[in-house]
Amino acid sequence: MNRTCTTVTLFFKYITGHHCPHILQIGCLKMNTSSYTQAIGSYSIVPVIKEALKMRVTAVLLVLIKLCVAQDDECGVVPMTQWVGQASLRTDLLHNPVDLVIIQHSVYGACTTDEDCEKAVRGTREYHITKKGFTDIGTSFLVGGNGKVYEGAGWSLIGAHTRHYNNLSIGISFLGDFRKTLPTSEALQATKDLISCGVSHNFLAQTYRLIGHKQVVQTESPGTELQREIETWSHWVDNV
């Protein structure tokens, strides 16, 4: 990475709080049309980036800010910059579209109010960093009983939620213990909406497969009742 690229990347993250690694890769690290296409996937902004790169670094920066800030509003996800005050510390890129969704539960942290759910998500992040030694929160997304989805590693970064599958999947964790009960109807609907939005934005493949955590790891997650529920969802498969 050249000096200009490094400056743009660091300054961008400093003033916006957005990590947005795939966009930065397009605008800064990749300088030819084929690389744009490879990095951006199916996004329709390649011409915009290409033109911006002919301008001054300031212009490039402004385009990147606009693109990344817009992504926080996609799918109604509460961004990390809102619930913890900073972007993810993760840097490894997840190739989109992803064709595997893994459903989990957190066991602890059941919540039904915005205040309690944000507290639970922050607690999960602290546990992952201080106790598990993770770079940042491992799950791609977390879903509260309040019907809100909280950004973790998100659509574009490789998380740490399912060994051997982290670079191949999106991990969605319901906050709470669902061995004997189901998540709220709001949480279930929010997850279905998140997945549908992921497909429409090409973060997830049209033919994605959905499984429970216990199907690939020795664990009770996502809990007996939640596992039974997701087995009724259209994209669930019994084996990967």
C-alpha atoms as a PDB file:
ATOM      1  CA  MET A   1       0.000   0.000   0.000  1.00  0.00           C
ATOM      2  CA  ASN A   2       1.497   3.351  -1.008  1.00  0.00           C
ATOM      3  CA  ARG A   3       1.679   6.370   1.288  1.00  0.00           C
ATOM      4  CA  THR A   4      -1.339   8.131  -0.255  1.00  0.00           C
ATOM      5  CA  CYS A   5      -3.442   5.008   0.070  1.00  0.00           C
ATOM      6  CA  THR A   6      -2.472   4.568   3.712  1.00  0.00           C
ATOM      7  CA  THR A   7      -3.309   8.191   4.464  1.00  0.00           C
ATOM      8  CA  VAL A   8      -6.730   8.004   2.807  1.00  0.00           C
ATOM      9  CA  THR A   9      -7.625   4.747   4.580  1.00  0.00           C
ATOM     10  CA  LEU A  10      -6.627   5.901   8.050  1.00  0.00           C
ATOM     11  CA  PHE A  11      -8.125   9.365   7.667  1.00  0.00           C
ATOM     12  CA  PHE A  12     -11.357   7.890   6.330  1.00  0.00           C
ATOM     13  CA  LYS A  13     -11.749   5.576   9.304  1.00  0.00           C
ATOM     14  CA  TYR A  14     -10.771   8.337  11.752  1.00  0.00           C
ATOM     15  CA  ILE A  15     -13.339  10.909  10.608  1.00  0.00           C
ATOM     16  CA  THR A  16     -16.235   8.548   9.872  1.00  0.00           C
ATOM     17  CA  GLY A  17     -15.877   5.642  12.286  1.00  0.00           C
ATOM     18  CA  HIS A  18     -16.588   3.315   9.360  1.00  0.00           C
ATOM     19  CA  HIS A  19     -14.343   0.422   8.475  1.00  0.00           C
ATOM     20  CA  CYS A  20     -15.985  -0.590   5.187  1.00  0.00           C
ATOM     21  CA  PRO A  21     -12.948  -2.608   4.011  1.00  0.00           C
ATOM     22  CA  HIS A  22     -14.324  -3.745   0.656  1.00  0.00           C
ATOM     23  CA  ILE A  23     -15.102  -0.177  -0.387  1.00  0.00           C
ATOM     24  CA  LEU A  24     -11.677   1.033   0.731  1.00  0.00           C
ATOM     25  CA  GLN A  25     -10.107  -1.798  -1.198  1.00  0.00           C
ATOM     26  CA  ILE A  26     -11.869  -0.665  -4.341  1.00  0.00           C
ATOM     27  CA  GLY A  27     -11.113   3.000  -3.966  1.00  0.00           C
ATOM     28  CA  CYS A  28      -7.572   2.716  -2.735  1.00  0.00           C
ATOM     29  CA  LEU A  29      -5.874  -0.617  -3.158  1.00  0.00           C
ATOM     30  CA  LYS A  30      -7.284  -1.570  -6.532  1.00  0.00           C
ATOM     31  CA  MET A  31      -6.632   0.723  -9.486  1.00  0.00           C
ATOM     32  CA  ASN A  32      -7.910  -1.146 -12.541  1.00  0.00           C
ATOM     33  CA  THR A  33     -11.360  -2.093 -13.804  1.00  0.00           C
ATOM     34  CA  SER A  34     -10.986  -5.860 -13.352  1.00  0.00           C
ATOM     35  CA  SER A  35      -9.896  -5.401  -9.758  1.00  0.00           C
ATOM     36  CA  TYR A  36     -12.841  -3.083  -9.120  1.00  0.00           C
ATOM     37  CA  THR A  37     -15.205  -5.753 -10.343  1.00  0.00           C
ATOM     38  CA  GLN A  38     -13.544  -8.487  -8.303  1.00  0.00           C
ATOM     39  CA  ALA A  39     -13.609  -6.445  -5.117  1.00  0.00           C
ATOM     40  CA  ILE A  40     -17.095  -4.971  -5.433  1.00  0.00           C
ATOM     41  CA  GLY A  41     -18.942  -8.052  -6.685  1.00  0.00           C
ATOM     42  CA  SER A  42     -22.277  -6.981  -8.119  1.00  0.00           C
ATOM     43  CA  TYR A  43     -22.297  -3.382  -6.880  1.00  0.00           C
ATOM     44  CA  SER A  44     -23.245  -0.871  -9.564  1.00  0.00           C
ATOM     45  CA  ILE A  45     -20.861   1.871  -8.368  1.00  0.00           C
ATOM     46  CA  VAL A  46     -17.748   0.836 -10.256  1.00  0.00           C
ATOM     47  CA  PRO A  47     -18.000   3.721 -12.758  1.00  0.00           C
ATOM     48  CA  VAL A  48     -18.371   6.190  -9.877  1.00  0.00           C
ATOM     49  CA  ILE A  49     -15.238   4.917  -8.169  1.00  0.00           C
ATOM     50  CA  LYS A  50     -13.354   4.789 -11.432  1.00  0.00           C
ATOM     51  CA  GLU A  51     -14.117   8.434 -12.165  1.00  0.00           C
ATOM     52  CA  ALA A  52     -13.396   9.509  -8.594  1.00  0.00           C
ATOM     53  CA  LEU A  53      -9.958   7.937  -8.753  1.00  0.00           C
ATOM     54  CA  LYS A  54      -9.095  10.347 -11.572  1.00  0.00           C
ATOM     55  CA  MET A  55      -9.715  13.252  -9.209  1.00  0.00           C
ATOM     56  CA  ARG A  56      -7.878  14.426  -6.126  1.00  0.00           C
ATOM     57  CA  VAL A  57      -7.623  12.242  -3.012  1.00  0.00           C
ATOM     58  CA  THR A  58     -10.210  14.495  -1.343  1.00  0.00           C
ATOM     59  CA  ALA A  59     -12.777  13.606  -3.985  1.00  0.00           C
ATOM     60  CA  VAL A  60     -12.072   9.902  -3.565  1.00  0.00           C
ATOM     61  CA  LEU A  61     -12.492  10.242   0.166  1.00  0.00           C
ATOM     62  CA  LEU A  62     -15.866  11.942  -0.203  1.00  0.00           C
ATOM     63  CA  VAL A  63     -17.147   9.195  -2.484  1.00  0.00           C
ATOM     64  CA  LEU A  64     -15.981   6.500  -0.060  1.00  0.00           C
ATOM     65  CA  ILE A  65     -17.664   8.237   2.857  1.00  0.00           C
ATOM     66  CA  LYS A  66     -20.964   8.441   0.984  1.00  0.00           C
ATOM     67  CA  LEU A  67     -20.873   4.778  -0.013  1.00  0.00           C
ATOM     68  CA  CYS A  68     -19.918   3.439   3.402  1.00  0.00           C
ATOM     69  CA  VAL A  69     -22.283   5.564   5.428  1.00  0.00           C
ATOM     70  CA  ALA A  70     -25.134   4.463   3.157  1.00  0.00           C
ATOM     71  CA  GLN A  71     -24.338   0.816   3.876  1.00  0.00           C
ATOM     72  CA  ASP A  72     -25.007   1.225   7.593  1.00  0.00           C
ATOM     73  CA  ASP A  73     -28.662   1.811   6.778  1.00  0.00           C
ATOM     74  CA  GLU A  74     -28.973  -1.314   4.659  1.00  0.00           C
ATOM     75  CA  CYS A  75     -31.191  -4.047   6.095  1.00  0.00           C
ATOM     76  CA  GLY A  76     -32.045  -1.957   9.161  1.00  0.00           C
ATOM     77  CA  VAL A  77     -28.980  -3.175  11.062  1.00  0.00           C
ATOM     78  CA  VAL A  78     -27.819  -1.198  14.103  1.00  0.00           C
ATOM     79  CA  PRO A  79     -24.148  -0.452  13.253  1.00  0.00           C
ATOM     80  CA  MET A  80     -21.298  -1.025  15.680  1.00  0.00           C
ATOM     81  CA  THR A  81     -20.566   2.696  15.566  1.00  0.00           C
ATOM     82  CA  GLN A  82     -23.915   3.188  17.292  1.00  0.00           C
ATOM     83  CA  TRP A  83     -23.918   0.453  19.920  1.00  0.00           C
ATOM     84  CA  VAL A  84     -20.239   0.510  20.872  1.00  0.00           C
ATOM     85  CA  GLY A  85     -18.948   3.754  19.373  1.00  0.00           C
ATOM     86  CA  GLN A  86     -16.408   2.355  16.925  1.00  0.00           C
ATOM     87  CA  ALA A  87     -16.102   0.210  13.824  1.00  0.00           C
ATOM     88  CA  SER A  88     -15.037  -3.435  13.937  1.00  0.00           C
ATOM     89  CA  LEU A  89     -11.355  -4.121  14.497  1.00  0.00           C
ATOM     90  CA  ARG A  90     -11.537  -7.061  12.118  1.00  0.00           C
ATOM     91  CA  THR A  91      -9.817  -6.674   8.742  1.00  0.00           C
ATOM     92  CA  ASP A  92     -10.083  -9.970   6.814  1.00  0.00           C
ATOM     93  CA  LEU A  93     -12.588  -9.661   3.994  1.00  0.00           C
ATOM     94  CA  LEU A  94     -15.478 -12.073   3.517  1.00  0.00           C
ATOM     95  CA  HIS A  95     -16.192 -12.793  -0.141  1.00  0.00           C
ATOM     96  CA  ASN A  96     -19.780 -11.997  -1.119  1.00  0.00           C
ATOM     97  CA  PRO A  97     -22.197 -13.420  -1.972  1.00  0.00           C
ATOM     98  CA  VAL A  98     -22.035 -15.975   0.844  1.00  0.00           C
ATOM     99  CA  ASP A  99     -24.019 -19.189   0.412  1.00  0.00           C
ATOM    100  CA  LEU A 100     -24.247 -20.404   4.011  1.00  0.00           C
ATOM    101  CA  VAL A 101     -26.091 -18.929   7.019  1.00  0.00           C
ATOM    102  CA  ILE A 102     -25.480 -20.432  10.467  1.00  0.00           C
ATOM    103  CA  ILE A 103     -28.032 -19.780  13.212  1.00  0.00           C
ATOM    104  CA  GLN A 104     -26.843 -19.711  16.838  1.00  0.00           C
ATOM    105  CA  HIS A 105     -27.930 -18.569  20.279  1.00  0.00           C
ATOM    106  CA  SER A 106     -25.873 -16.743  22.885  1.00  0.00           C
ATOM    107  CA  VAL A 107     -27.422 -18.545  25.912  1.00  0.00           C
ATOM    108  CA  TYR A 108     -26.892 -15.425  28.022  1.00  0.00           C
ATOM    109  CA  GLY A 109     -28.054 -11.893  27.348  1.00  0.00           C
ATOM    110  CA  ALA A 110     -31.772 -12.388  26.721  1.00  0.00           C
ATOM    111  CA  CYS A 111     -33.363  -8.976  26.253  1.00  0.00           C
ATOM    112  CA  THR A 112     -36.528  -7.239  25.102  1.00  0.00           C
ATOM    113  CA  THR A 113     -35.684  -3.515  25.403  1.00  0.00           C
ATOM    114  CA  ASP A 114     -33.240  -1.444  23.375  1.00  0.00           C
ATOM    115  CA  GLU A 115     -31.229  -0.581  26.480  1.00  0.00           C
ATOM    116  CA  ASP A 116     -30.914  -4.190  27.642  1.00  0.00           C
ATOM    117  CA  CYS A 117     -30.125  -5.491  24.158  1.00  0.00           C
ATOM    118  CA  GLU A 118     -27.332  -2.971  23.581  1.00  0.00           C
ATOM    119  CA  LYS A 119     -25.940  -3.859  27.000  1.00  0.00           C
ATOM    120  CA  ALA A 120     -26.057  -7.558  26.061  1.00  0.00           C
ATOM    121  CA  VAL A 121     -24.292  -6.976  22.756  1.00  0.00           C
ATOM    122  CA  ARG A 122     -21.566  -4.907  24.411  1.00  0.00           C
ATOM    123  CA  GLY A 123     -21.156  -7.644  27.013  1.00  0.00           C
ATOM    124  CA  THR A 124     -20.826 -10.263  24.286  1.00  0.00           C
ATOM    125  CA  ARG A 125     -18.155  -8.207  22.552  1.00  0.00           C
ATOM    126  CA  GLU A 126     -16.220  -7.715  25.782  1.00  0.00           C
ATOM    127  CA  TYR A 127     -16.376 -11.447  26.487  1.00  0.00           C
ATOM    128  CA  HIS A 128     -15.146 -12.338  23.010  1.00  0.00           C
ATOM    129  CA  ILE A 129     -12.210  -9.930  23.249  1.00  0.00           C
ATOM    130  CA  THR A 130     -11.123 -10.357  26.877  1.00  0.00           C
ATOM    131  CA  LYS A 131     -11.984 -14.007  27.526  1.00  0.00           C
ATOM    132  CA  LYS A 132     -11.717 -15.657  24.122  1.00  0.00           C
ATOM    133  CA  GLY A 133      -8.919 -13.493  22.793  1.00  0.00           C
ATOM    134  CA  PHE A 134     -10.800 -12.532  19.629  1.00  0.00           C
ATOM    135  CA  THR A 135      -9.866  -9.450  17.630  1.00  0.00           C
ATOM    136  CA  ASP A 136     -13.453  -8.243  17.989  1.00  0.00           C
ATOM    137  CA  ILE A 137     -16.947  -9.655  18.418  1.00  0.00           C
ATOM    138  CA  GLY A 138     -17.085 -12.920  16.515  1.00  0.00           C
ATOM    139  CA  THR A 139     -20.676 -13.161  15.307  1.00  0.00           C
ATOM    140  CA  SER A 140     -21.723 -11.550  12.040  1.00  0.00           C
ATOM    141  CA  PHE A 141     -25.008 -10.310  13.485  1.00  0.00           C
ATOM    142  CA  LEU A 142     -26.839 -10.512  16.809  1.00  0.00           C
ATOM    143  CA  VAL A 143     -30.625 -10.387  17.167  1.00  0.00           C
ATOM    144  CA  GLY A 144     -32.382  -9.089  20.260  1.00  0.00           C
ATOM    145  CA  GLY A 145     -35.827  -9.891  21.575  1.00  0.00           C
ATOM    146  CA  ASN A 146     -36.683  -6.270  20.768  1.00  0.00           C
ATOM    147  CA  GLY A 147     -36.634  -7.182  17.082  1.00  0.00           C
ATOM    148  CA  LYS A 148     -33.442  -5.292  16.289  1.00  0.00           C
ATOM    149  CA  VAL A 149     -30.378  -6.682  14.524  1.00  0.00           C
ATOM    150  CA  TYR A 150     -26.942  -5.567  15.741  1.00  0.00           C
ATOM    151  CA  GLU A 151     -23.879  -5.516  13.532  1.00  0.00           C
ATOM    152  CA  GLY A 152     -20.947  -7.704  14.505  1.00  0.00           C
ATOM    153  CA  ALA A 153     -18.484  -8.723  11.822  1.00  0.00           C
ATOM    154  CA  GLY A 154     -21.274  -7.875   9.390  1.00  0.00           C
ATOM    155  CA  TRP A 155     -21.629  -8.874   5.748  1.00  0.00           C
ATOM    156  CA  SER A 156     -18.099  -7.988   4.667  1.00  0.00           C
ATOM    157  CA  LEU A 157     -15.692  -9.210   7.354  1.00  0.00           C
ATOM    158  CA  ILE A 158     -14.725 -12.735   8.386  1.00  0.00           C
ATOM    159  CA  GLY A 159     -15.938 -13.350  11.917  1.00  0.00           C
ATOM    160  CA  ALA A 160     -15.203 -16.011  14.517  1.00  0.00           C
ATOM    161  CA  HIS A 161     -18.423 -17.892  15.157  1.00  0.00           C
ATOM    162  CA  THR A 162     -18.064 -21.382  13.663  1.00  0.00           C
ATOM    163  CA  ARG A 163     -14.711 -23.140  13.349  1.00  0.00           C
ATOM    164  CA  HIS A 164     -13.873 -24.208   9.792  1.00  0.00           C
ATOM    165  CA  TYR A 165     -16.797 -22.150   8.440  1.00  0.00           C
ATOM    166  CA  ASN A 166     -15.931 -18.576   9.380  1.00  0.00           C
ATOM    167  CA  ASN A 167     -14.679 -17.654   5.925  1.00  0.00           C
ATOM    168  CA  LEU A 168     -17.596 -19.381   4.229  1.00  0.00           C
ATOM    169  CA  SER A 169     -20.617 -18.196   6.156  1.00  0.00           C
ATOM    170  CA  ILE A 170     -22.617 -15.560   7.972  1.00  0.00           C
ATOM    171  CA  GLY A 171     -23.265 -16.318  11.649  1.00  0.00           C
ATOM    172  CA  ILE A 172     -26.492 -14.949  13.168  1.00  0.00           C
ATOM    173  CA  SER A 173     -26.856 -15.255  16.929  1.00  0.00           C
ATOM    174  CA  PHE A 174     -30.125 -14.807  18.829  1.00  0.00           C
ATOM    175  CA  LEU A 175     -29.547 -13.209  22.230  1.00  0.00           C
ATOM    176  CA  GLY A 176     -30.771 -15.645  24.880  1.00  0.00           C
ATOM    177  CA  ASP A 177     -31.237 -19.352  25.610  1.00  0.00           C
ATOM    178  CA  PHE A 178     -33.551 -21.186  23.233  1.00  0.00           C
ATOM    179  CA  ARG A 179     -33.318 -24.776  24.372  1.00  0.00           C
ATOM    180  CA  LYS A 180     -36.814 -24.707  25.862  1.00  0.00           C
ATOM    181  CA  THR A 181     -38.409 -21.628  24.356  1.00  0.00           C
ATOM    182  CA  LEU A 182     -38.482 -19.685  21.119  1.00  0.00           C
ATOM    183  CA  PRO A 183     -37.168 -16.176  20.482  1.00  0.00           C
ATOM    184  CA  THR A 184     -39.814 -13.460  20.297  1.00  0.00           C
ATOM    185  CA  SER A 185     -41.823 -13.221  17.102  1.00  0.00           C
ATOM    186  CA  GLU A 186     -40.132  -9.855  16.527  1.00  0.00           C
ATOM    187  CA  ALA A 187     -36.670 -11.442  16.678  1.00  0.00           C
ATOM    188  CA  LEU A 188     -37.654 -14.246  14.325  1.00  0.00           C
ATOM    189  CA  GLN A 189     -39.145 -11.833  11.805  1.00  0.00           C
ATOM    190  CA  ALA A 190     -36.144  -9.503  12.034  1.00  0.00           C
ATOM    191  CA  THR A 191     -33.854 -12.407  11.186  1.00  0.00           C
ATOM    192  CA  LYS A 192     -35.946 -13.460   8.214  1.00  0.00           C
ATOM    193  CA  ASP A 193     -35.975  -9.854   7.005  1.00  0.00           C
ATOM    194  CA  LEU A 194     -32.197  -9.591   7.454  1.00  0.00           C
ATOM    195  CA  ILE A 195     -31.628 -12.706   5.377  1.00  0.00           C
ATOM    196  CA  SER A 196     -34.019 -11.544   2.650  1.00  0.00           C
ATOM    197  CA  CYS A 197     -32.277  -8.178   2.556  1.00  0.00           C
ATOM    198  CA  GLY A 198     -28.910  -9.919   2.354  1.00  0.00           C
ATOM    199  CA  VAL A 199     -30.089 -11.785  -0.723  1.00  0.00           C
ATOM    200  CA  SER A 200     -31.492  -8.659  -2.382  1.00  0.00           C
ATOM    201  CA  HIS A 201     -28.192  -6.800  -1.849  1.00  0.00           C
ATOM    202  CA  ASN A 202     -26.126  -9.779  -3.066  1.00  0.00           C
ATOM    203  CA  PHE A 203     -24.467 -10.309   0.307  1.00  0.00           C
ATOM    204  CA  LEU A 204     -26.081 -13.760   0.271  1.00  0.00           C
ATOM    205  CA  ALA A 205     -26.486 -16.048  -2.711  1.00  0.00           C
ATOM    206  CA  GLN A 206     -30.003 -16.627  -4.041  1.00  0.00           C
ATOM    207  CA  THR A 207     -29.449 -20.321  -3.358  1.00  0.00           C
ATOM    208  CA  TYR A 208     -28.007 -19.870   0.153  1.00  0.00           C
ATOM    209  CA  ARG A 209     -28.305 -22.728   2.630  1.00  0.00           C
ATOM    210  CA  LEU A 210     -29.318 -22.298   6.265  1.00  0.00           C
ATOM    211  CA  ILE A 211     -28.333 -24.529   9.159  1.00  0.00           C
ATOM    212  CA  GLY A 212     -28.190 -24.583  12.943  1.00  0.00           C
ATOM    213  CA  HIS A 213     -24.841 -24.246  14.703  1.00  0.00           C
ATOM    214  CA  LYS A 214     -25.154 -27.754  16.160  1.00  0.00           C
ATOM    215  CA  GLN A 215     -25.185 -29.255  12.671  1.00  0.00           C
ATOM    216  CA  VAL A 216     -21.487 -28.511  12.164  1.00  0.00           C
ATOM    217  CA  VAL A 217     -20.128 -28.108  15.722  1.00  0.00           C
ATOM    218  CA  GLN A 218     -20.472 -30.107  18.946  1.00  0.00           C
ATOM    219  CA  THR A 219     -22.840 -27.729  20.734  1.00  0.00           C
ATOM    220  CA  GLU A 220     -26.454 -27.320  21.825  1.00  0.00           C
ATOM    221  CA  SER A 221     -26.662 -24.015  19.944  1.00  0.00           C
ATOM    222  CA  PRO A 222     -29.042 -22.702  18.685  1.00  0.00           C
ATOM    223  CA  GLY A 223     -31.114 -24.633  21.226  1.00  0.00           C
ATOM    224  CA  THR A 224     -33.693 -27.370  20.681  1.00  0.00           C
ATOM    225  CA  GLU A 225     -36.689 -25.109  20.131  1.00  0.00           C
ATOM    226  CA  LEU A 226     -34.925 -22.673  17.831  1.00  0.00           C
ATOM    227  CA  GLN A 227     -33.414 -25.524  15.835  1.00  0.00           C
ATOM    228  CA  ARG A 228     -36.876 -26.999  15.403  1.00  0.00           C
ATOM    229  CA  GLU A 229     -38.128 -23.597  14.238  1.00  0.00           C
ATOM    230  CA  ILE A 230     -35.438 -22.969  11.615  1.00  0.00           C
ATOM    231  CA  GLU A 231     -35.972 -26.445  10.177  1.00  0.00           C
ATOM    232  CA  THR A 232     -39.292 -25.111   8.885  1.00  0.00           C
ATOM    233  CA  TRP A 233     -37.590 -22.250   7.005  1.00  0.00           C
ATOM    234  CA  SER A 234     -37.346 -22.597   3.231  1.00  0.00           C
ATOM    235  CA  HIS A 235     -33.550 -22.657   2.874  1.00  0.00           C
ATOM    236  CA  TRP A 236     -32.792 -25.004   5.764  1.00  0.00           C
ATOM    237  CA  VAL A 237     -30.766 -28.109   4.832  1.00  0.00           C
ATOM    238  CA  ASP A 238     -30.029 -31.154   6.944  1.00  0.00           C
ATOM    239  CA  ASN A 239     -26.376 -31.333   5.945  1.00  0.00           C
ATOM    240  CA  VAL A 240     -23.747 -29.076   4.409  1.00  0.00           C
END
